[in-house]
PDB file of N, CA and C in Angstrom:
ATOM      1  N   MET A   1     -22.168  51.014  11.012  1.00  0.00           N
ATOM      2  CA  MET A   1     -21.183  49.642  10.553  1.00  0.00           C
ATOM      3  C   MET A   1     -19.886  50.360  10.669  1.00  0.00           C
ATOM      4  N   GLY A   2     -18.601  49.243  11.128  1.00  0.00           N
ATOM      5  CA  GLY A   2     -17.414  49.746  11.467  1.00  0.00           C
ATOM      6  C   GLY A   2     -16.617  50.300  10.248  1.00  0.00           C
ATOM      7  N   LYS A   3     -15.695  50.416   9.814  1.00  0.00           N
ATOM      8  CA  LYS A   3     -14.718  50.413   8.679  1.00  0.00           C
ATOM      9  C   LYS A   3     -14.039  49.364   8.685  1.00  0.00           C
ATOM     10  N   ARG A   4     -13.395  48.598   7.963  1.00  0.00           N
ATOM     11  CA  ARG A   4     -12.522  47.661   7.750  1.00  0.00           C
ATOM     12  C   ARG A   4     -11.203  48.018   6.819  1.00  0.00           C
ATOM     13  N   TRP A   5      -9.952  47.669   7.111  1.00  0.00           N
ATOM     14  CA  TRP A   5      -9.001  47.685   6.338  1.00  0.00           C
ATOM     15  C   TRP A   5      -8.682  46.243   5.594  1.00  0.00           C
ATOM     16  N   LEU A   6      -8.999  46.524   4.336  1.00  0.00           N
ATOM     17  CA  LEU A   6      -8.790  45.174   3.803  1.00  0.00           C
ATOM     18  C   LEU A   6      -6.865  45.066   3.213  1.00  0.00           C
ATOM     19  N   HIS A   7      -6.302  44.277   3.207  1.00  0.00           N
ATOM     20  CA  HIS A   7      -5.201  44.051   2.834  1.00  0.00           C
ATOM     21  C   HIS A   7      -4.953  43.150   1.417  1.00  0.00           C
ATOM     22  N   LEU A   8      -4.815  43.598   0.132  1.00  0.00           N
ATOM     23  CA  LEU A   8      -4.985  42.918  -0.855  1.00  0.00           C
ATOM     24  C   LEU A   8      -3.592  43.263  -1.886  1.00  0.00           C
ATOM     25  N   ASP A   9      -3.442  41.920  -2.616  1.00  0.00           N
ATOM     26  CA  ASP A   9      -2.716  41.963  -3.493  1.00  0.00           C
ATOM     27  C   ASP A   9      -3.156  42.809  -4.823  1.00  0.00           C
ATOM     28  N   LYS A  10      -2.436  43.108  -5.805  1.00  0.00           N
ATOM     29  CA  LYS A  10      -2.784  43.908  -7.081  1.00  0.00           C
ATOM     30  C   LYS A  10      -3.750  43.109  -7.811  1.00  0.00           C
ATOM     31  N   GLU A  11      -3.564  41.978  -7.964  1.00  0.00           N
ATOM     32  CA  GLU A  11      -4.650  41.378  -8.600  1.00  0.00           C
ATOM     33  C   GLU A  11      -6.223  41.201  -7.844  1.00  0.00           C
ATOM     34  N   THR A  12      -6.181  41.017  -6.854  1.00  0.00           N
ATOM     35  CA  THR A  12      -7.681  41.100  -5.821  1.00  0.00           C
ATOM     36  C   THR A  12      -7.978  42.442  -5.603  1.00  0.00           C
ATOM     37  N   HIS A  13      -7.268  43.470  -5.631  1.00  0.00           N
ATOM     38  CA  HIS A  13      -7.484  44.729  -5.601  1.00  0.00           C
ATOM     39  C   HIS A  13      -8.265  45.147  -7.012  1.00  0.00           C
ATOM     40  N   ASP A  14      -7.727  44.896  -8.376  1.00  0.00           N
ATOM     41  CA  ASP A  14      -8.392  45.209  -9.445  1.00  0.00           C
ATOM     42  C   ASP A  14      -9.934  44.343  -9.607  1.00  0.00           C
ATOM     43  N   ILE A  15      -9.955  43.464  -8.896  1.00  0.00           N
ATOM     44  CA  ILE A  15     -11.000  42.444  -8.967  1.00  0.00           C
ATOM     45  C   ILE A  15     -12.394  43.557  -7.587  1.00  0.00           C
ATOM     46  N   ALA A  16     -11.494  43.622  -6.494  1.00  0.00           N
ATOM     47  CA  ALA A  16     -12.668  44.063  -5.604  1.00  0.00           C
ATOM     48  C   ALA A  16     -12.865  45.756  -5.603  1.00  0.00           C
ATOM     49  N   ILE A  17     -11.963  46.221  -6.468  1.00  0.00           N
ATOM     50  CA  ILE A  17     -12.330  47.709  -5.778  1.00  0.00           C
ATOM     51  C   ILE A  17     -13.633  48.490  -6.422  1.00  0.00           C
ATOM     52  N   GLY A  18     -14.274  47.849  -7.603  1.00  0.00           N
ATOM     53  CA  GLY A  18     -15.405  48.524  -7.631  1.00  0.00           C
ATOM     54  C   GLY A  18     -16.362  47.897  -6.589  1.00  0.00           C
ATOM     55  N   LYS A  19     -16.428  46.440  -5.778  1.00  0.00           N
ATOM     56  CA  LYS A  19     -17.352  46.497  -4.954  1.00  0.00           C
ATOM     57  C   LYS A  19     -17.003  47.346  -3.491  1.00  0.00           C
ATOM     58  N   CYS A  20     -15.722  47.686  -3.368  1.00  0.00           N
ATOM     59  CA  CYS A  20     -15.871  48.108  -2.418  1.00  0.00           C
ATOM     60  C   CYS A  20     -15.952  49.697  -2.415  1.00  0.00           C
ATOM     61  N   ARG A  21     -15.583  50.042  -3.542  1.00  0.00           N
ATOM     62  CA  ARG A  21     -16.304  51.831  -3.825  1.00  0.00           C
ATOM     63  C   ARG A  21     -17.965  51.657  -3.636  1.00  0.00           C
ATOM     64  N   HIS A  22     -18.570  50.744  -4.424  1.00  0.00           N
ATOM     65  CA  HIS A  22     -20.111  50.584  -4.027  1.00  0.00           C
ATOM     66  C   HIS A  22     -20.346  50.695  -2.259  1.00  0.00           C
ATOM     67  N   ARG A  23     -19.637  49.721  -1.736  1.00  0.00           N
ATOM     68  CA  ARG A  23     -20.350  49.337  -0.367  1.00  0.00           C
ATOM     69  C   ARG A  23     -20.096  50.477   0.464  1.00  0.00           C
ATOM     70  N   HIS A  24     -18.740  51.186   0.481  1.00  0.00           N
ATOM     71  CA  HIS A  24     -18.373  52.314   0.869  1.00  0.00           C
ATOM     72  C   HIS A  24     -19.091  53.578   0.869  1.00  0.00           C
ATOM     73  N   GLY A  25     -19.529  53.727  -0.907  1.00  0.00           N
ATOM     74  CA  GLY A  25     -20.565  54.917  -1.026  1.00  0.00           C
ATOM     75  C   GLY A  25     -22.001  54.719  -0.147  1.00  0.00           C
ATOM     76  N   LEU A  26     -22.261  53.377  -0.081  1.00  0.00           N
ATOM     77  CA  LEU A  26     -23.630  53.523   0.420  1.00  0.00           C
ATOM     78  C   LEU A  26     -23.757  54.030   1.512  1.00  0.00           C
ATOM     79  N   GLN A  27     -22.425  53.709   2.389  1.00  0.00           N
ATOM     80  CA  GLN A  27     -22.408  53.894   3.912  1.00  0.00           C
ATOM     81  C   GLN A  27     -22.485  55.528   4.189  1.00  0.00           C
ATOM     82  N   LYS A  28     -22.026  56.369   2.966  1.00  0.00           N
ATOM     83  CA  LYS A  28     -21.860  57.792   2.999  1.00  0.00           C
ATOM     84  C   LYS A  28     -20.953  58.727   3.779  1.00  0.00           C
ATOM     85  N   ARG A  29     -19.749  58.029   4.003  1.00  0.00           N
ATOM     86  CA  ARG A  29     -18.798  58.250   4.917  1.00  0.00           C
ATOM     87  C   ARG A  29     -17.411  58.916   4.451  1.00  0.00           C
ATOM     88  N   GLY A  30     -17.280  59.560   3.173  1.00  0.00           N
ATOM     89  CA  GLY A  30     -16.318  60.455   2.682  1.00  0.00           C
ATOM     90  C   GLY A  30     -15.814  59.495   1.640  1.00  0.00           C
ATOM     91  N   SER A  31     -14.550  59.622   1.236  1.00  0.00           N
ATOM     92  CA  SER A  31     -13.970  59.143   0.291  1.00  0.00           C
ATOM     93  C   SER A  31     -13.337  57.621   0.747  1.00  0.00           C
ATOM     94  N   LEU A  32     -13.198  56.754  -0.220  1.00  0.00           N
ATOM     95  CA  LEU A  32     -12.479  55.686  -0.087  1.00  0.00           C
ATOM     96  C   LEU A  32     -10.966  56.160   0.234  1.00  0.00           C
ATOM     97  N   SER A  33     -10.620  55.306   0.907  1.00  0.00           N
ATOM     98  CA  SER A  33      -8.723  55.244   1.200  1.00  0.00           C
ATOM     99  C   SER A  33      -8.140  54.037   0.379  1.00  0.00           C
ATOM    100  N   VAL A  34      -7.149  54.179   0.019  1.00  0.00           N
ATOM    101  CA  VAL A  34      -6.250  53.366  -0.695  1.00  0.00           C
ATOM    102  C   VAL A  34      -5.078  53.561  -0.643  1.00  0.00           C
ATOM    103  N   ILE A  35      -4.274  52.583  -0.327  1.00  0.00           N
ATOM    104  CA  ILE A  35      -2.910  52.868  -0.082  1.00  0.00           C
ATOM    105  C   ILE A  35      -2.199  52.129  -0.746  1.00  0.00           C
ATOM    106  N   PHE A  36      -1.214  52.168  -1.647  1.00  0.00           N
ATOM    107  CA  PHE A  36      -0.351  50.952  -2.248  1.00  0.00           C
ATOM    108  C   PHE A  36       1.236  50.999  -1.854  1.00  0.00           C
ATOM    109  N   ASN A  37       1.650  49.833  -2.128  1.00  0.00           N
ATOM    110  CA  ASN A  37       3.100  50.019  -1.763  1.00  0.00           C
ATOM    111  C   ASN A  37       3.445  50.442  -3.052  1.00  0.00           C
ATOM    112  N   LEU A  38       5.018  50.901  -2.755  1.00  0.00           N
ATOM    113  CA  LEU A  38       5.878  51.357  -3.772  1.00  0.00           C
ATOM    114  C   LEU A  38       6.273  50.099  -4.807  1.00  0.00           C
ATOM    115  N   ALA A  39       6.012  49.139  -4.833  1.00  0.00           N
ATOM    116  CA  ALA A  39       5.849  48.395  -6.039  1.00  0.00           C
ATOM    117  C   ALA A  39       4.923  48.095  -6.509  1.00  0.00           C
ATOM    118  N   GLY A  40       3.540  48.375  -6.318  1.00  0.00           N
ATOM    119  CA  GLY A  40       2.484  48.864  -6.788  1.00  0.00           C
ATOM    120  C   GLY A  40       1.752  46.782  -6.398  1.00  0.00           C
ATOM    121  N   THR A  41       2.059  46.310  -5.811  1.00  0.00           N
ATOM    122  CA  THR A  41       2.051  44.572  -5.591  1.00  0.00           C
ATOM    123  C   THR A  41       0.809  44.423  -4.573  1.00  0.00           C
ATOM    124  N   GLU A  42       0.717  45.576  -3.485  1.00  0.00           N
ATOM    125  CA  GLU A  42      -0.113  44.958  -2.590  1.00  0.00           C
ATOM    126  C   GLU A  42      -0.888  46.405  -2.186  1.00  0.00           C
ATOM    127  N   CYS A  43      -1.820  46.377  -1.636  1.00  0.00           N
ATOM    128  CA  CYS A  43      -2.596  47.817  -1.205  1.00  0.00           C
ATOM    129  C   CYS A  43      -3.488  47.795   0.024  1.00  0.00           C
ATOM    130  N   LEU A  44      -3.845  48.439   0.832  1.00  0.00           N
ATOM    131  CA  LEU A  44      -4.625  48.280   1.674  1.00  0.00           C
ATOM    132  C   LEU A  44      -6.041  49.251   1.153  1.00  0.00           C
ATOM    133  N   ILE A  45      -7.256  48.980   1.570  1.00  0.00           N
ATOM    134  CA  ILE A  45      -8.286  49.825   1.090  1.00  0.00           C
ATOM    135  C   ILE A  45      -9.274  49.766   2.456  1.00  0.00           C
ATOM    136  N   LYS A  46      -9.419  50.881   2.721  1.00  0.00           N
ATOM    137  CA  LYS A  46     -10.516  51.169   4.054  1.00  0.00           C
ATOM    138  C   LYS A  46     -11.651  51.451   3.394  1.00  0.00           C
ATOM    139  N   VAL A  47     -12.588  50.067   3.805  1.00  0.00           N
ATOM    140  CA  VAL A  47     -13.930  50.470   3.495  1.00  0.00           C
ATOM    141  C   VAL A  47     -15.217  50.312   4.653  1.00  0.00           C
ATOM    142  N   ALA A  48     -15.889  51.407   4.603  1.00  0.00           N
ATOM    143  CA  ALA A  48     -16.949  51.585   5.476  1.00  0.00           C
ATOM    144  C   ALA A  48     -18.023  50.553   5.325  1.00  0.00           C
ATOM    145  N   GLY A  49     -18.524  49.934   6.030  1.00  0.00           N
ATOM    146  CA  GLY A  49     -19.631  49.069   6.257  1.00  0.00           C
ATOM    147  C   GLY A  49     -18.979  47.484   5.570  1.00  0.00           C
ATOM    148  N   ALA A  50     -17.938  47.137   5.647  1.00  0.00           N
ATOM    149  CA  ALA A  50     -17.434  45.927   5.247  1.00  0.00           C
ATOM    150  C   ALA A  50     -17.407  44.888   6.196  1.00  0.00           C
ATOM    151  N   ASN A  51     -18.784  44.827   6.840  1.00  0.00           N
ATOM    152  CA  ASN A  51     -18.968  44.006   7.950  1.00  0.00           C
ATOM    153  C   ASN A  51     -18.542  42.280   7.550  1.00  0.00           C
ATOM    154  N   LYS A  52     -19.049  41.540   8.130  1.00  0.00           N
ATOM    155  CA  LYS A  52     -18.681  40.040   7.938  1.00  0.00           C
ATOM    156  C   LYS A  52     -19.705  39.510   6.916  1.00  0.00           C
ATOM    157  N   THR A  53     -21.155  39.920   7.088  1.00  0.00           N
ATOM    158  CA  THR A  53     -22.157  39.438   6.162  1.00  0.00           C
ATOM    159  C   THR A  53     -21.867  40.096   4.728  1.00  0.00           C
ATOM    160  N   TRP A  54     -21.647  41.275   4.545  1.00  0.00           N
ATOM    161  CA  TRP A  54     -21.134  41.647   3.190  1.00  0.00           C
ATOM    162  C   TRP A  54     -19.831  41.013   2.676  1.00  0.00           C
ATOM    163  N   ARG A  55     -18.910  40.687   3.571  1.00  0.00           N
ATOM    164  CA  ARG A  55     -17.373  40.126   3.259  1.00  0.00           C
ATOM    165  C   ARG A  55     -17.817  38.602   2.762  1.00  0.00           C
ATOM    166  N   LYS A  56     -18.493  38.187   3.507  1.00  0.00           N
ATOM    167  CA  LYS A  56     -19.194  36.564   2.685  1.00  0.00           C
ATOM    168  C   LYS A  56     -19.356  36.147   1.497  1.00  0.00           C
ATOM    169  N   LYS A  57     -20.076  37.436   1.238  1.00  0.00           N
ATOM    170  CA  LYS A  57     -20.882  37.492   0.011  1.00  0.00           C
ATOM    171  C   LYS A  57     -19.588  37.708  -1.357  1.00  0.00           C
ATOM    172  N   GLN A  58     -18.571  38.040  -1.134  1.00  0.00           N
ATOM    173  CA  GLN A  58     -17.768  38.577  -2.003  1.00  0.00           C
ATOM    174  C   GLN A  58     -16.453  37.299  -2.148  1.00  0.00           C
ATOM    175  N   SER A  59     -16.689  37.091  -3.370  1.00  0.00           N
ATOM    176  CA  SER A  59     -16.053  35.764  -3.697  1.00  0.00           C
ATOM    177  C   SER A  59     -14.395  35.547  -3.727  1.00  0.00           C
ATOM    178  N   TRP A  60     -14.118  37.321  -3.818  1.00  0.00           N
ATOM    179  CA  TRP A  60     -12.577  37.317  -3.535  1.00  0.00           C
ATOM    180  C   TRP A  60     -11.766  37.528  -2.453  1.00  0.00           C
ATOM    181  N   MET A  61     -12.823  37.543  -1.697  1.00  0.00           N
ATOM    182  CA  MET A  61     -12.473  37.528   0.236  1.00  0.00           C
ATOM    183  C   MET A  61     -11.303  36.317   0.429  1.00  0.00           C
ATOM    184  N   LYS A  62     -11.894  35.261  -0.301  1.00  0.00           N
ATOM    185  CA  LYS A  62     -10.676  34.122   0.000  1.00  0.00           C
ATOM    186  C   LYS A  62      -9.344  34.749  -0.215  1.00  0.00           C
ATOM    187  N   ASP A  63      -9.185  35.486  -1.325  1.00  0.00           N
ATOM    188  CA  ASP A  63      -7.743  35.917  -1.595  1.00  0.00           C
ATOM    189  C   ASP A  63      -7.002  37.286  -0.385  1.00  0.00           C
ATOM    190  N   VAL A  64      -7.552  37.322   0.314  1.00  0.00           N
ATOM    191  CA  VAL A  64      -7.230  38.758   0.838  1.00  0.00           C
ATOM    192  C   VAL A  64      -6.377  38.234   1.789  1.00  0.00           C
ATOM    193  N   ILE A  65      -5.002  39.220   2.113  1.00  0.00           N
ATOM    194  CA  ILE A  65      -4.392  39.085   2.634  1.00  0.00           C
ATOM    195  C   ILE A  65      -4.209  38.909   4.408  1.00  0.00           C
ATOM    196  N   GLY A  66      -5.208  40.244   4.645  1.00  0.00           N
ATOM    197  CA  GLY A  66      -5.375  40.354   5.966  1.00  0.00           C
ATOM    198  C   GLY A  66      -6.725  41.289   6.135  1.00  0.00           C
ATOM    199  N   ILE A  67      -7.352  41.345   7.347  1.00  0.00           N
ATOM    200  CA  ILE A  67      -8.296  42.103   7.360  1.00  0.00           C
ATOM    201  C   ILE A  67      -8.331  43.171   9.404  1.00  0.00           C
ATOM    202  N   TYR A  68      -8.586  44.319   9.033  1.00  0.00           N
ATOM    203  CA  TYR A  68      -8.063  45.008  10.339  1.00  0.00           C
ATOM    204  C   TYR A  68      -9.521  45.732  10.672  1.00  0.00           C
ATOM    205  N   ASP A  69      -9.567  45.807  11.805  1.00  0.00           N
ATOM    206  CA  ASP A  69     -10.481  46.626  12.207  1.00  0.00           C
ATOM    207  C   ASP A  69     -10.323  47.810  13.621  1.00  0.00           C
ATOM    208  N   HIS A  70     -11.437  48.007  13.987  1.00  0.00           N
ATOM    209  CA  HIS A  70     -10.690  49.363  15.081  1.00  0.00           C
ATOM    210  C   HIS A  70      -9.957  48.447  16.184  1.00  0.00           C
ATOM    211  N   SER A  71     -10.141  47.137  16.607  1.00  0.00           N
ATOM    212  CA  SER A  71      -9.542  46.708  17.480  1.00  0.00           C
ATOM    213  C   SER A  71      -7.810  46.205  17.113  1.00  0.00           C
ATOM    214  N   ASP A  72      -8.225  46.318  16.210  1.00  0.00           N
ATOM    215  CA  ASP A  72      -6.151  46.057  15.616  1.00  0.00           C
ATOM    216  C   ASP A  72      -5.935  46.892  14.232  1.00  0.00           C
ATOM    217  N   HIS A  73      -6.409  47.764  14.286  1.00  0.00           N
ATOM    218  CA  HIS A  73      -6.116  48.802  12.732  1.00  0.00           C
ATOM    219  C   HIS A  73      -4.588  49.365  13.201  1.00  0.00           C
ATOM    220  N   TYR A  74      -3.933  48.959  14.099  1.00  0.00           N
ATOM    221  CA  TYR A  74      -2.636  49.608  14.537  1.00  0.00           C
ATOM    222  C   TYR A  74      -1.850  48.721  13.280  1.00  0.00           C
ATOM    223  N   LYS A  75      -2.155  47.510  13.415  1.00  0.00           N
ATOM    224  CA  LYS A  75      -1.523  46.513  12.650  1.00  0.00           C
ATOM    225  C   LYS A  75      -1.556  47.029  10.975  1.00  0.00           C
ATOM    226  N   ALA A  76      -2.150  47.246  10.521  1.00  0.00           N
ATOM    227  CA  ALA A  76      -2.350  48.145   9.169  1.00  0.00           C
ATOM    228  C   ALA A  76      -1.457  49.404   8.952  1.00  0.00           C
ATOM    229  N   ILE A  77      -1.767  50.404  10.413  1.00  0.00           N
ATOM    230  CA  ILE A  77      -0.800  51.604  10.030  1.00  0.00           C
ATOM    231  C   ILE A  77       0.597  50.985  10.544  1.00  0.00           C
ATOM    232  N   ALA A  78       0.977  49.967  11.072  1.00  0.00           N
ATOM    233  CA  ALA A  78       2.454  49.769  11.234  1.00  0.00           C
ATOM    234  C   ALA A  78       3.081  49.217   9.739  1.00  0.00           C
ATOM    235  N   LEU A  79       1.889  48.542   8.970  1.00  0.00           N
ATOM    236  CA  LEU A  79       2.659  47.971   7.807  1.00  0.00           C
ATOM    237  C   LEU A  79       2.943  49.447   6.835  1.00  0.00           C
ATOM    238  N   VAL A  80       1.659  50.265   6.705  1.00  0.00           N
ATOM    239  CA  VAL A  80       2.102  51.183   5.731  1.00  0.00           C
ATOM    240  C   VAL A  80       2.683  52.438   5.916  1.00  0.00           C
ATOM    241  N   LYS A  81       3.760  52.344   7.482  1.00  0.00           N
ATOM    242  CA  LYS A  81       4.503  53.393   7.992  1.00  0.00           C
ATOM    243  C   LYS A  81       5.869  53.508   7.354  1.00  0.00           C
ATOM    244  N   GLY A  82       6.202  52.319   6.726  1.00  0.00           N
ATOM    245  CA  GLY A  82       7.334  52.210   6.392  1.00  0.00           C
ATOM    246  C   GLY A  82       7.642  53.191   4.843  1.00  0.00           C
ATOM    247  N   PRO A  83       8.985  52.632   4.197  1.00  0.00           N
ATOM    248  CA  PRO A  83       9.099  53.544   3.190  1.00  0.00           C
ATOM    249  C   PRO A  83       8.852  53.175   1.734  1.00  0.00           C
ATOM    250  N   LEU A  84       7.905  51.832   2.119  1.00  0.00           N
ATOM    251  CA  LEU A  84       7.533  50.837   0.756  1.00  0.00           C
ATOM    252  C   LEU A  84       6.025  51.049   0.644  1.00  0.00           C
ATOM    253  N   TRP A  85       5.400  51.970   1.062  1.00  0.00           N
ATOM    254  CA  TRP A  85       4.251  52.241   0.936  1.00  0.00           C
ATOM    255  C   TRP A  85       3.984  53.479   0.597  1.00  0.00           C
ATOM    256  N   GLU A  86       2.854  54.181  -0.109  1.00  0.00           N
ATOM    257  CA  GLU A  86       2.643  55.392  -0.533  1.00  0.00           C
ATOM    258  C   GLU A  86       0.880  55.471  -0.508  1.00  0.00           C
ATOM    259  N   ALA A  87       0.424  56.778  -0.130  1.00  0.00           N
ATOM    260  CA  ALA A  87      -0.552  57.111  -0.370  1.00  0.00           C
ATOM    261  C   ALA A  87      -1.139  57.425  -2.081  1.00  0.00           C
ATOM    262  N   VAL A  88      -2.193  56.681  -2.369  1.00  0.00           N
ATOM    263  CA  VAL A  88      -2.730  56.938  -3.762  1.00  0.00           C
ATOM    264  C   VAL A  88      -4.296  57.931  -3.827  1.00  0.00           C
ATOM    265  N   ASP A  89      -4.261  58.629  -4.563  1.00  0.00           N
ATOM    266  CA  ASP A  89      -5.786  59.357  -4.759  1.00  0.00           C
ATOM    267  C   ASP A  89      -6.366  58.181  -5.275  1.00  0.00           C
ATOM    268  N   VAL A  90      -8.171  58.482  -4.642  1.00  0.00           N
ATOM    269  CA  VAL A  90      -8.549  57.222  -4.937  1.00  0.00           C
ATOM    270  C   VAL A  90      -9.412  57.305  -6.390  1.00  0.00           C
ATOM    271  N   ALA A  91      -9.281  58.540  -7.134  1.00  0.00           N
ATOM    272  CA  ALA A  91      -9.552  58.596  -8.130  1.00  0.00           C
ATOM    273  C   ALA A  91      -8.248  57.703  -9.315  1.00  0.00           C
ATOM    274  N   ASP A  92      -7.142  57.479  -8.844  1.00  0.00           N
ATOM    275  CA  ASP A  92      -6.442  56.724  -9.160  1.00  0.00           C
ATOM    276  C   ASP A  92      -6.217  55.456  -9.063  1.00  0.00           C
ATOM    277  N   ALA A  93      -7.058  54.736  -8.395  1.00  0.00           N
ATOM    278  CA  ALA A  93      -7.289  53.640  -7.316  1.00  0.00           C
ATOM    279  C   ALA A  93      -7.459  52.317  -8.373  1.00  0.00           C
ATOM    280  N   GLY A  94      -8.397  52.868  -9.318  1.00  0.00           N
ATOM    281  CA  GLY A  94      -8.704  51.625 -10.201  1.00  0.00           C
ATOM    282  C   GLY A  94      -8.088  51.514 -11.541  1.00  0.00           C
ATOM    283  N   ASP A  95      -6.960  52.499 -11.730  1.00  0.00           N
ATOM    284  CA  ASP A  95      -6.458  52.824 -12.808  1.00  0.00           C
ATOM    285  C   ASP A  95      -5.359  51.692 -13.596  1.00  0.00           C
ATOM    286  N   GLY A  96      -5.324  50.425 -12.939  1.00  0.00           N
ATOM    287  CA  GLY A  96      -4.532  49.162 -13.316  1.00  0.00           C
ATOM    288  C   GLY A  96      -3.354  49.631 -13.204  1.00  0.00           C
ATOM    289  N   ARG A  97      -3.110  50.095 -12.152  1.00  0.00           N
ATOM    290  CA  ARG A  97      -1.508  50.389 -11.507  1.00  0.00           C
ATOM    291  C   ARG A  97      -0.462  49.298 -11.973  1.00  0.00           C
TER     292      ARG A  97
END
């Protein structure tokens, strides 16, 4: 199963982070990646195994700003290359930023 970058606002992140951690952990693909913008209002979460079937079961998916996969991940990369984004340690990703 492929990885997906999910572009979320802060409120959706707070709802989704537990489900994303669980799904990613089932794939045994290393650490979950989370990047916030400096304002703390939006983030990208890279989730292994976030296929269409799984995403359809998540009620919070209706609030996702964007979904990027291997074919268009360059869009996610372009989003976070600017000075308004920062990498965040996974341990801090659910701390109510």
